[in-house]
Protein backbone atom coordinates (compact mmCIF):
# COMPACT_ATOMS: atom_id res chain seq x y z
CA MET A 1 101.44 76.99 210.28
CA HIS A 2 98.46 79.44 209.78
CA GLY A 3 98.07 79.92 213.36
CA THR A 4 94.59 78.64 215.63
CA ILE A 5 91.92 80.52 217.05
CA ARG A 6 91.91 79.08 220.56
CA LYS A 7 94.55 81.74 221.11
CA ALA A 8 94.52 85.51 220.67
CA ALA A 9 97.16 88.55 220.63
CA CYS A 10 97.79 91.44 220.03
CA GLU A 11 98.58 92.55 215.86
CA ALA A 12 100.07 95.77 217.77
CA CYS A 13 102.42 94.83 220.46
CA GLY A 14 102.24 91.04 220.65
CA ALA A 15 100.05 90.62 223.99
CA ALA A 16 99.17 87.39 224.04
CA ALA A 17 95.09 87.64 225.36
CA ASP A 18 92.93 85.52 227.85
CA HIS A 19 91.30 83.96 225.41
CA ALA A 20 87.89 83.58 227.56
CA ALA A 21 87.84 87.12 227.90
CA PHE A 22 88.85 88.00 224.27
CA VAL A 23 85.73 85.41 223.43
CA ALA A 24 83.73 87.43 225.63
CA ALA A 25 84.42 90.64 224.44
CA VAL A 26 84.24 89.53 220.92
CA ARG A 27 80.61 88.85 222.07
CA ALA A 28 79.50 91.93 223.61
CA ASN A 29 81.46 93.94 221.26
CA VAL A 30 80.72 92.82 218.27
CA LYS A 31 77.68 93.04 215.89
CA ASP A 32 76.26 89.19 215.17
CA LEU A 33 75.79 89.65 211.83
CA TYR A 34 73.36 86.17 211.15
CA GLY A 35 70.81 87.79 214.20
CA VAL A 36 71.31 84.55 215.53
CA ASP A 37 72.43 86.13 219.69
CA PRO A 38 69.86 89.07 220.17
CA ALA A 39 72.62 89.72 223.49
CA ALA A 40 74.80 91.19 221.14
CA PRO A 41 75.14 94.64 219.87
CA SER A 42 73.12 96.51 216.75
CA GLU A 43 76.74 97.59 215.74
CA SER A 44 80.28 96.16 216.37
CA ARG A 45 82.56 98.35 218.48
CA PRO A 46 86.14 97.55 218.94
CA VAL A 47 88.16 95.37 221.18
CA PRO A 48 91.22 96.87 222.88
CA CYS A 49 94.30 95.32 224.08
CA GLY A 50 94.57 95.20 227.02
CA ALA A 51 98.40 95.93 227.45
CA CYS A 52 98.78 98.48 224.63
CA GLY A 53 94.72 99.90 224.22
CA ALA A 54 94.87 99.14 220.31
CA SER A 55 91.90 97.94 218.71
CA ALA A 56 94.21 95.22 217.08
CA LEU A 57 93.76 91.70 219.43
CA LYS A 58 92.71 89.11 216.79
CA PRO A 59 93.13 85.25 216.89
CA THR A 60 96.20 84.28 216.30
CA THR A 61 95.81 82.93 212.50
CA VAL A 62 97.03 84.28 209.41
CA LEU A 63 94.48 86.20 207.89
CA PHE A 64 94.01 86.64 203.67
CA GLY A 65 97.11 88.40 202.44
CA GLY A 66 98.66 88.23 205.75
CA MET A 67 103.25 86.69 206.16
CA LEU A 68 102.98 83.54 207.64
CA PRO A 69 105.44 83.88 211.18
CA GLY A 70 108.91 83.86 210.46
CA ALA A 71 109.15 80.48 212.82
CA PHE A 72 107.09 78.56 209.73
CA PHE A 73 110.37 79.35 207.93
CA GLU A 74 113.03 78.81 209.51
CA ARG A 75 111.83 75.18 210.46
CA LYS A 76 111.18 75.10 206.94
CA VAL A 77 114.19 75.02 205.92
CA ARG A 78 116.18 73.33 208.17
CA ALA A 79 113.53 70.30 207.43
CA ARG A 80 115.33 70.52 204.23
CA ASP A 81 118.07 70.17 205.67
CA LEU A 82 117.46 66.80 206.95
CA ILE A 83 115.54 65.71 203.74
CA THR A 84 118.27 66.43 201.61
CA ALA A 85 121.30 64.97 204.73
């Protein structure tokens, strides 16, 4: 229902991102707040989408305040109809 951290996609255009490439881009561009990775940059930079260039790549999870995918609600209605039938 809330997605997975094992996939990444662009919130701007919807294009799926290669997961290994996304993880590598995060490691190369996002500051390590805990100081565990000495190779991490000292400042974060956006990770652009390879398809549209927007800085909107993220794991395919619903974050706080985000909307659940429409498919969830469609399946919820179908499941309710099966139970009440």
